[in-house]
Amino acid sequence: MWRIPATNRHLNRRHFLLLILVLIFSENTSVVCAGTVEGVILSRRGPVIGSTLKAYRDYDSLTAGSGAIEAEKGEKEGQYKLNLPPGRYYLFAEGVENGRKLYSYHGINPITVTDGYLWLPFFMVEAHDPVCRTADGQGVEGRITFKGEPLDRGVVTIYRQQDGKFRGMGLLTNTVDGKHGFRFDLEPGSYVLIARKKQNDRGIGPVMQGDLFCYPSANPLEVLPDQYCKVEVECYPRDDLHAFLDEDAINPQGRRHDTRREASLKDIEPEGILIPSTGNPATLFGTVQDADGSVGSDLVVTAYPANGLDLFQMHILRLISHYMSRTDKDGKFQIEIDTGGTYYLVAREKVGEAPGRLEKYGLYEGNQNHSITVNPGETKSGIKITVKPIMPYSGLAKRLKDL
């Protein structure tokens, strides 16, 4: 038989003791590094009594309702407390008020939890089941509201459920005009629909304080062949209690409100999201005008990364870009780009779909391929884009149309 020398036995004991110490230290570290998330769950009337909040590791677990970590009840009605290991989580709240089923999907999901402290309010809206009808084709349609009023000057986006991260322009993005609903023609499959409205109307990006976020309870949407499903989408303003609560609502703010507000507004966007850099972004300034020289106001200007393309191609309009701006009343726009490179500039009324008849649409004409190249930290101004209606009616066609 083999025998271990005495000196080696002593070394093995030391290694064993070291291993035990490492394991103990690791266990203690995991406890110390747990993050705390607290907050309140609200309807427009105030805190929702008996509501629950759960954290899920991924979106598929959320939709399946499996593997949840449920929050503890807080000090007062409607308040909650979660102790979570560091990581990324999808947070979802549910409750019932006056017989109505309520829910809330937070606008910055998935939320990154560190060993710090977060205070996140959850604004609950009423859950609605989709209403489906047989049709020639398939897709999703519906309307978007905030406090019962149609959403105006926002965007609604369709994502594939398998994508997991529901950011940017997604598969398809349409603008919302406040008068009509939305409609997406889709292939059969599973999708997630999200609408947003930026408070300052200057582009699409992470949902900040006061921005409207809209997530229907029907998500994820299962699109079946030859069937259109209508969904109701209600919005809430992120971290803006005054804009959400009714005038006679119970206000949950207490003495720790300032501390909680600071914690709720800290930068907790997940890694990997392209947002304007605070370091050395490039900036584009310009104006949009109609062919007759009039102001091109309330149009969307988008900078699409060229990604190696030498010439502009129409399919670019369906790609994701995080660099957008809406023109003001004077037709002016400003776009910040966090990485240098070559970009195609497009001005139009909508985003994320092929241009439609009579839509105002125009490309940057500063060179033959409609692109502009910028370096980090560089500012380019004086950019001009002219828009014209797509496929305008001829004189005869217009007279026939008017009939």
Foldseek 3Di string as FASTA:
>chain_A
DDDDDPVVVVVVVVVVVVVVVVVVVVVVVQVLWWEKEKEFEAELQGGAAPKWKWKDQFDVCVVVVPPTDIWDADPDGRMTMDTGGFHWIWMKMWHADPNFTKIFTDQQPRWTTTSYYAYFYTYIDGADAKDKDFAQAKWEKEFEDEPPAGDAFKKKAKAAVVVRDPFFRHQFMKTGHRPGIDIDGDDFHWIFMKMKADPVQFAGFRQAAQIKIKGHPNPRPGMDTRMYIYTYIYIDGGLDSVSRHDPNHDDPDDPCNVVNSVRHRDPRRDPPGDDFDPPFWEKEKEFEAAPVRHGPAFKKKFWQACVPPPADDQCSQQDGGRWMTGAHPRRMHMTIGRAWHKTWIKIWNIGNDGADAQTWIWAFVPDDRRMDTDHGNHYDYHGYIYTGGHPDDDPVRVVVVVD
